[in-house]
Amino acid sequence: MSEHPRIPSQALEGLMRKAFREQTIHPGLFWDALLGANLIAPLAAKSKETEIAPDSKSLPLLLGDGPDGEHVVWLFTSPEAMLEYTEQQLRYVTMESRELLRTVLQSQKNIVLIGPEGLTLKLSRQLLESLAAGKVPTQPVEEERTIPKEAMIYVGPRSDDATVLEARFRNLFSNHPEVLEADFVQIRDDGGSRLLLGLKLEDESREAFQAIAGFVAKAAEGALPPGKTMDITLTSGSLKEAFVRFGKPFYVKDTYAK
């Protein structure tokens, strides 16, 4: 049994949004809450029941499709998130997060956690093993947000007011020489419209990016207007051309030469 008190899926999903979509809290708060929550795993069709008693020794898991057509293990934060994502009434099992994670760790396939509004996290083995042992990761881990299904992304010039954010980030980045350049564009997809902060870093490894993203999230607290959200990415990534076309850097390191 988990030593964490059970928390409702609604509270867990709220923290998931704040950690990975709004980026207004540290991801560690979400992982800590997850240890005190139940998770959902869809099961292969077998009967007319929509829910069965958990049996961690033999779960006939229903595998999903990954972005490259490969099979992946699906985990969901709630039955509602599962229905919204799959658009199907699936048979499923509800289990304590640690027990379910220990079970799916036996699979050699990639494992993803899907929450509200299709927010999807690819879970690394390192992270899964840590959570299954009841430990909250303290170092950057290989979780990543992906766009579910075939969602269209629209990018354009910034429309939201980011004046306060720009001022805070200029001050932040001046104390972080690893940040070479910062820019804003506007992004819109099925999750709505929001600011997208693009960074060019001296070291663009996953660890370096996650480290600066934590500082950015803390600096952004209280600066976003009510109802507004912000994402963060690297300008050298898949949206590189969008930043070239629509962006206008508001911060450039003094000694940085393009």
Foldseek 3Di string as FASTA:
>chain_A
DQPAAADALVVLLVVVCCVAWQVQDPCLVSLLNLQRYKKKFFADDDDPDLEDEDDLVDTRGDWDADPVRDTEGEMESDQVQVCVQVVDSTRMYIDRNLSNLVSCLVDPHWYWYAYPPRWIWTADNVCSVCVNVVHRDPADGPIDTDDPDPKDKDKAADDDDCPLLLVLVQVVVLVPVQWFFKKWIWMQISVGIAIEIATDGVDPDPRVVSVVSNVSSNSCHPVDDPPHGYHYYHCPDPCVVSCVPHIDISDGDPPDDD
